[in-house]
Amino acid sequence: VYNKRGLRQSPYNDGDLLRLNELKEEVSRL
């Protein structure tokens, strides 16, 4: 989402960030 100043904010938690990195590694492996 974006805050009031129009800057990007990432509300997903550490678990989401970890999963994104796992997805990146899995796609690269494939």
All heavy atoms as atom14 arrays in JSON, in Angstrom:
{
  "sequence": "VYNKRGLRQSPYNDGDLLRLNELKEEVSRL",
  "atom14_mask": [
    [1, 1, 1, 1, 1, 1, 1, 0, 0, 0, 0, 0, 0, 0],
    [1, 1, 1, 1, 1, 1, 1, 1, 1, 1, 1, 1, 0, 0],
    [1, 1, 1, 1, 1, 1, 1, 1, 0, 0, 0, 0, 0, 0],
    [1, 1, 1, 1, 1, 1, 1, 1, 1, 0, 0, 0, 0, 0],
    [1, 1, 1, 1, 1, 1, 1, 1, 1, 1, 1, 0, 0, 0],
    [1, 1, 1, 1, 0, 0, 0, 0, 0, 0, 0, 0, 0, 0],
    [1, 1, 1, 1, 1, 1, 1, 1, 0, 0, 0, 0, 0, 0],
    [1, 1, 1, 1, 1, 1, 1, 1, 1, 1, 1, 0, 0, 0],
    [1, 1, 1, 1, 1, 1, 1, 1, 1, 0, 0, 0, 0, 0],
    [1, 1, 1, 1, 1, 1, 0, 0, 0, 0, 0, 0, 0, 0],
    [1, 1, 1, 1, 1, 1, 1, 0, 0, 0, 0, 0, 0, 0],
    [1, 1, 1, 1, 1, 1, 1, 1, 1, 1, 1, 1, 0, 0],
    [1, 1, 1, 1, 1, 1, 1, 1, 0, 0, 0, 0, 0, 0],
    [1, 1, 1, 1, 1, 1, 1, 1, 0, 0, 0, 0, 0, 0],
    [1, 1, 1, 1, 0, 0, 0, 0, 0, 0, 0, 0, 0, 0],
    [1, 1, 1, 1, 1, 1, 1, 1, 0, 0, 0, 0, 0, 0],
    [1, 1, 1, 1, 1, 1, 1, 1, 0, 0, 0, 0, 0, 0],
    [1, 1, 1, 1, 1, 1, 1, 1, 0, 0, 0, 0, 0, 0],
    [1, 1, 1, 1, 1, 1, 1, 1, 1, 1, 1, 0, 0, 0],
    [1, 1, 1, 1, 1, 1, 1, 1, 0, 0, 0, 0, 0, 0],
    [1, 1, 1, 1, 1, 1, 1, 1, 0, 0, 0, 0, 0, 0],
    [1, 1, 1, 1, 1, 1, 1, 1, 1, 0, 0, 0, 0, 0],
    [1, 1, 1, 1, 1, 1, 1, 1, 0, 0, 0, 0, 0, 0],
    [1, 1, 1, 1, 1, 1, 1, 1, 1, 0, 0, 0, 0, 0],
    [1, 1, 1, 1, 1, 1, 1, 1, 1, 0, 0, 0, 0, 0],
    [1, 1, 1, 1, 1, 1, 1, 1, 1, 0, 0, 0, 0, 0],
    [1, 1, 1, 1, 1, 1, 1, 0, 0, 0, 0, 0, 0, 0],
    [1, 1, 1, 1, 1, 1, 0, 0, 0, 0, 0, 0, 0, 0],
    [1, 1, 1, 1, 1, 1, 1, 1, 1, 1, 1, 0, 0, 0],
    [1, 1, 1, 1, 1, 1, 1, 1, 0, 0, 0, 0, 0, 0]
  ],
  "atom14_positions": [
    [[0.85, -1.19, 0.0], [0.0, 0.0, 0.0], [0.89, 1.24, 0.0], [2.1, 1.17, 0.06], [-0.93, 0.01, 1.23], [-1.88, -1.16, 1.19], [-0.11, 0.0, 2.51], [0.0, 0.0, 0.0], [0.0, 0.0, 0.0], [0.0, 0.0, 0.0], [0.0, 0.0, 0.0], [0.0, 0.0, 0.0], [0.0, 0.0, 0.0], [0.0, 0.0, 0.0]],
    [[0.24, 2.41, -0.07], [0.95, 3.69, -0.05], [0.52, 4.49, 1.17], [-0.65, 4.45, 1.57], [0.65, 4.49, -1.32], [1.22, 3.87, -2.57], [0.5, 2.89, -3.27], [2.46, 4.24, -3.06], [1.02, 2.31, -4.41], [2.98, 3.67, -4.21], [2.27, 2.71, -4.88], [2.79, 2.14, -6.01], [0.0, 0.0, 0.0], [0.0, 0.0, 0.0]],
    [[1.47, 5.2, 1.77], [1.12, 6.02, 2.93], [0.59, 7.38, 2.47], [0.44, 7.62, 1.27], [2.32, 6.19, 3.87], [3.48, 6.91, 3.2], [3.31, 7.59, 2.2], [4.68, 6.74, 3.77], [0.0, 0.0, 0.0], [0.0, 0.0, 0.0], [0.0, 0.0, 0.0], [0.0, 0.0, 0.0], [0.0, 0.0, 0.0], [0.0, 0.0, 0.0]],
    [[0.33, 8.29, 3.39], [-0.27, 9.58, 3.06], [0.65, 10.44, 2.21], [0.19, 11.33, 1.5], [-0.65, 10.32, 4.34], [-1.77, 9.64, 5.13], [-2.12, 10.44, 6.37], [-3.25, 9.77, 7.14], [-3.6, 10.52, 8.37], [0.0, 0.0, 0.0], [0.0, 0.0, 0.0], [0.0, 0.0, 0.0], [0.0, 0.0, 0.0], [0.0, 0.0, 0.0]],
    [[1.96, 10.19, 2.28], [2.91, 10.96, 1.47], [3.14, 10.33, 0.1], [3.95, 10.81, -0.68], [4.23, 11.09, 2.22], [4.16, 11.93, 3.48], [5.53, 12.14, 4.07], [6.13, 10.86, 4.46], [7.42, 10.71, 4.81], [8.23, 11.76, 4.75], [7.88, 9.54, 5.16], [0.0, 0.0, 0.0], [0.0, 0.0, 0.0], [0.0, 0.0, 0.0]],
    [[2.43, 9.25, -0.19], [2.56, 8.6, -1.48], [3.73, 7.65, -1.59], [4.09, 7.22, -2.69], [0.0, 0.0, 0.0], [0.0, 0.0, 0.0], [0.0, 0.0, 0.0], [0.0, 0.0, 0.0], [0.0, 0.0, 0.0], [0.0, 0.0, 0.0], [0.0, 0.0, 0.0], [0.0, 0.0, 0.0], [0.0, 0.0, 0.0], [0.0, 0.0, 0.0]],
    [[4.35, 7.29, -0.47], [5.48, 6.38, -0.48], [5.0, 4.94, -0.29], [4.06, 4.68, 0.47], [6.47, 6.74, 0.64], [7.11, 8.13, 0.53], [8.0, 8.39, 1.75], [7.92, 8.25, -0.75], [0.0, 0.0, 0.0], [0.0, 0.0, 0.0], [0.0, 0.0, 0.0], [0.0, 0.0, 0.0], [0.0, 0.0, 0.0], [0.0, 0.0, 0.0]],
    [[5.67, 4.03, -0.97], [5.3, 2.62, -0.85], [5.6, 2.1, 0.54], [6.65, 2.4, 1.12], [6.07, 1.77, -1.87], [5.59, 1.9, -3.28], [6.51, 1.16, -4.23], [6.55, -0.26, -3.93], [5.76, -1.16, -4.5], [4.86, -0.77, -5.39], [5.86, -2.42, -4.22], [0.0, 0.0, 0.0], [0.0, 0.0, 0.0], [0.0, 0.0, 0.0]],
    [[4.67, 1.34, 1.08], [4.89, 0.65, 2.34], [4.59, -0.82, 2.14], [3.73, -1.2, 1.35], [3.99, 1.22, 3.44], [4.39, 2.61, 3.89], [3.57, 3.07, 5.09], [2.39, 2.77, 5.19], [4.21, 3.82, 5.99], [0.0, 0.0, 0.0], [0.0, 0.0, 0.0], [0.0, 0.0, 0.0], [0.0, 0.0, 0.0], [0.0, 0.0, 0.0]],
    [[5.32, -1.63, 2.84], [5.14, -3.08, 2.7], [4.58, -3.66, 3.99], [5.31, -3.91, 4.94], [6.5, -3.74, 2.38], [6.35, -5.13, 2.3], [0.0, 0.0, 0.0], [0.0, 0.0, 0.0], [0.0, 0.0, 0.0], [0.0, 0.0, 0.0], [0.0, 0.0, 0.0], [0.0, 0.0, 0.0], [0.0, 0.0, 0.0], [0.0, 0.0, 0.0]],
    [[3.26, -3.85, 4.04], [2.64, -4.32, 5.27], [2.8, -5.82, 5.53], [2.41, -6.3, 6.58], [1.17, -3.95, 5.07], [0.98, -4.04, 3.58], [2.28, -3.58, 2.98], [0.0, 0.0, 0.0], [0.0, 0.0, 0.0], [0.0, 0.0, 0.0], [0.0, 0.0, 0.0], [0.0, 0.0, 0.0], [0.0, 0.0, 0.0], [0.0, 0.0, 0.0]],
    [[3.35, -6.58, 4.52], [3.46, -8.0, 4.8], [4.53, -8.25, 5.85], [5.52, -7.52, 5.98], [3.72, -8.82, 3.54], [4.73, -8.3, 2.55], [6.08, -8.33, 2.84], [4.32, -7.83, 1.31], [7.02, -7.87, 1.92], [5.24, -7.37, 0.39], [6.59, -7.39, 0.7], [7.51, -6.94, -0.21], [0.0, 0.0, 0.0], [0.0, 0.0, 0.0]],
    [[4.33, -9.29, 6.61], [5.19, -9.56, 7.76], [6.46, -10.31, 7.36], [6.69, -10.59, 6.18], [4.4, -10.35, 8.82], [3.8, -11.62, 8.24], [4.42, -12.3, 7.43], [2.58, -11.94, 8.67], [0.0, 0.0, 0.0], [0.0, 0.0, 0.0], [0.0, 0.0, 0.0], [0.0, 0.0, 0.0], [0.0, 0.0, 0.0], [0.0, 0.0, 0.0]],
    [[7.28, -10.66, 8.37], [8.54, -11.35, 8.09], [8.3, -12.71, 7.44], [9.1, -13.16, 6.62], [9.32, -11.52, 9.38], [9.84, -10.19, 9.93], [9.94, -9.24, 9.13], [10.13, -10.11, 11.14], [0.0, 0.0, 0.0], [0.0, 0.0, 0.0], [0.0, 0.0, 0.0], [0.0, 0.0, 0.0], [0.0, 0.0, 0.0], [0.0, 0.0, 0.0]],
    [[7.18, -13.34, 7.78], [6.88, -14.62, 7.18], [6.59, -14.49, 5.69], [7.01, -15.34, 4.89], [0.0, 0.0, 0.0], [0.0, 0.0, 0.0], [0.0, 0.0, 0.0], [0.0, 0.0, 0.0], [0.0, 0.0, 0.0], [0.0, 0.0, 0.0], [0.0, 0.0, 0.0], [0.0, 0.0, 0.0], [0.0, 0.0, 0.0], [0.0, 0.0, 0.0]],
    [[5.89, -13.42, 5.32], [5.62, -13.17, 3.9], [6.91, -12.9, 3.14], [7.11, -13.39, 2.03], [4.67, -11.97, 3.74], [3.27, -12.28, 4.22], [2.86, -13.46, 4.15], [2.58, -11.35, 4.67], [0.0, 0.0, 0.0], [0.0, 0.0, 0.0], [0.0, 0.0, 0.0], [0.0, 0.0, 0.0], [0.0, 0.0, 0.0], [0.0, 0.0, 0.0]],
    [[7.79, -12.1, 3.75], [9.06, -11.78, 3.1], [9.91, -13.03, 2.92], [10.55, -13.22, 1.88], [9.82, -10.73, 3.93], [11.1, -10.17, 3.3], [10.8, -9.49, 1.98], [11.77, -9.2, 4.27], [0.0, 0.0, 0.0], [0.0, 0.0, 0.0], [0.0, 0.0, 0.0], [0.0, 0.0, 0.0], [0.0, 0.0, 0.0], [0.0, 0.0, 0.0]],
    [[9.9, -13.88, 3.93], [10.63, -15.14, 3.83], [10.07, -16.0, 2.7], [10.83, -16.59, 1.92], [10.56, -15.9, 5.15], [11.21, -17.29, 5.18], [12.7, -17.19, 4.91], [10.94, -17.97, 6.53], [0.0, 0.0, 0.0], [0.0, 0.0, 0.0], [0.0, 0.0, 0.0], [0.0, 0.0, 0.0], [0.0, 0.0, 0.0], [0.0, 0.0, 0.0]],
    [[8.75, -16.04, 2.59], [8.12, -16.84, 1.54], [8.44, -16.29, 0.16], [8.68, -17.06, -0.79], [6.61, -16.88, 1.76], [5.85, -17.72, 0.72], [6.4, -19.13, 0.64], [5.73, -19.92, -0.39], [6.24, -21.01, -0.93], [7.43, -21.47, -0.55], [5.57, -21.68, -1.86], [0.0, 0.0, 0.0], [0.0, 0.0, 0.0], [0.0, 0.0, 0.0]],
    [[8.47, -14.96, 0.0], [8.84, -14.37, -1.28], [10.25, -14.77, -1.7], [10.5, -15.07, -2.86], [8.72, -12.85, -1.21], [7.3, -12.26, -1.3], [7.34, -10.76, -1.03], [6.69, -12.54, -2.66], [0.0, 0.0, 0.0], [0.0, 0.0, 0.0], [0.0, 0.0, 0.0], [0.0, 0.0, 0.0], [0.0, 0.0, 0.0], [0.0, 0.0, 0.0]],
    [[11.17, -14.77, -0.74], [12.53, -15.19, -1.04], [12.59, -16.67, -1.41], [13.36, -17.06, -2.29], [13.45, -14.89, 0.14], [13.93, -13.45, 0.19], [14.8, -13.05, -0.57], [13.33, -12.66, 1.08], [0.0, 0.0, 0.0], [0.0, 0.0, 0.0], [0.0, 0.0, 0.0], [0.0, 0.0, 0.0], [0.0, 0.0, 0.0], [0.0, 0.0, 0.0]],
    [[11.78, -17.48, -0.74], [11.73, -18.9, -1.08], [11.19, -19.1, -2.49], [11.7, -19.95, -3.24], [10.85, -19.64, -0.07], [11.45, -19.75, 1.32], [10.5, -20.38, 2.33], [9.3, -20.5, 2.0], [10.94, -20.74, 3.43], [0.0, 0.0, 0.0], [0.0, 0.0, 0.0], [0.0, 0.0, 0.0], [0.0, 0.0, 0.0], [0.0, 0.0, 0.0]],
    [[10.17, -18.34, -2.84], [9.6, -18.42, -4.19], [10.64, -18.01, -5.24], [10.75, -18.65, -6.29], [8.37, -17.53, -4.3], [7.14, -17.96, -3.49], [6.07, -16.88, -3.52], [6.57, -19.27, -4.03], [0.0, 0.0, 0.0], [0.0, 0.0, 0.0], [0.0, 0.0, 0.0], [0.0, 0.0, 0.0], [0.0, 0.0, 0.0], [0.0, 0.0, 0.0]],
    [[11.39, -16.96, -4.94], [12.44, -16.51, -5.87], [13.47, -17.61, -6.09], [13.86, -17.89, -7.24], [13.12, -15.26, -5.31], [14.26, -14.74, -6.2], [14.95, -13.55, -5.55], [16.04, -13.0, -6.45], [17.08, -14.01, -6.77], [0.0, 0.0, 0.0], [0.0, 0.0, 0.0], [0.0, 0.0, 0.0], [0.0, 0.0, 0.0], [0.0, 0.0, 0.0]],
    [[13.91, -18.24, -5.03], [14.92, -19.29, -5.15], [14.38, -20.5, -5.9], [15.08, -21.12, -6.7], [15.41, -19.7, -3.76], [16.18, -18.62, -3.02], [17.4, -18.16, -3.81], [18.11, -19.02, -4.38], [17.64, -16.93, -3.86], [0.0, 0.0, 0.0], [0.0, 0.0, 0.0], [0.0, 0.0, 0.0], [0.0, 0.0, 0.0], [0.0, 0.0, 0.0]],
    [[13.12, -20.85, -5.65], [12.51, -22.0, -6.31], [12.35, -21.74, -7.81], [12.63, -22.62, -8.63], [11.15, -22.31, -5.68], [10.41, -23.47, -6.32], [11.1, -24.82, -6.14], [12.07, -24.88, -5.36], [10.69, -25.78, -6.8], [0.0, 0.0, 0.0], [0.0, 0.0, 0.0], [0.0, 0.0, 0.0], [0.0, 0.0, 0.0], [0.0, 0.0, 0.0]],
    [[11.91, -20.54, -8.18], [11.78, -20.19, -9.59], [13.15, -20.21, -10.28], [13.29, -20.72, -11.39], [11.11, -18.81, -9.76], [11.18, -18.35, -11.21], [9.66, -18.88, -9.32], [0.0, 0.0, 0.0], [0.0, 0.0, 0.0], [0.0, 0.0, 0.0], [0.0, 0.0, 0.0], [0.0, 0.0, 0.0], [0.0, 0.0, 0.0], [0.0, 0.0, 0.0]],
    [[14.17, -19.67, -9.6], [15.52, -19.67, -10.17], [16.02, -21.1, -10.37], [16.65, -21.41, -11.39], [16.49, -18.91, -9.25], [16.13, -17.55, -9.16], [0.0, 0.0, 0.0], [0.0, 0.0, 0.0], [0.0, 0.0, 0.0], [0.0, 0.0, 0.0], [0.0, 0.0, 0.0], [0.0, 0.0, 0.0], [0.0, 0.0, 0.0], [0.0, 0.0, 0.0]],
    [[15.74, -21.98, -9.41], [16.17, -23.37, -9.52], [15.5, -24.06, -10.71], [16.15, -24.78, -11.47], [15.84, -24.13, -8.23], [16.36, -25.57, -8.19], [15.84, -26.3, -6.97], [14.4, -26.49, -7.04], [13.81, -27.44, -7.75], [14.53, -28.29, -8.48], [12.49, -27.56, -7.75], [0.0, 0.0, 0.0], [0.0, 0.0, 0.0], [0.0, 0.0, 0.0]],
    [[14.21, -23.81, -10.88], [13.48, -24.41, -12.01], [14.0, -23.9, -13.34], [14.13, -24.67, -14.3], [11.98, -24.12, -11.87], [11.24, -24.84, -10.75], [9.86, -24.24, -10.55], [11.15, -26.33, -11.03], [0.0, 0.0, 0.0], [0.0, 0.0, 0.0], [0.0, 0.0, 0.0], [0.0, 0.0, 0.0], [0.0, 0.0, 0.0], [0.0, 0.0, 0.0]]
  ]
}
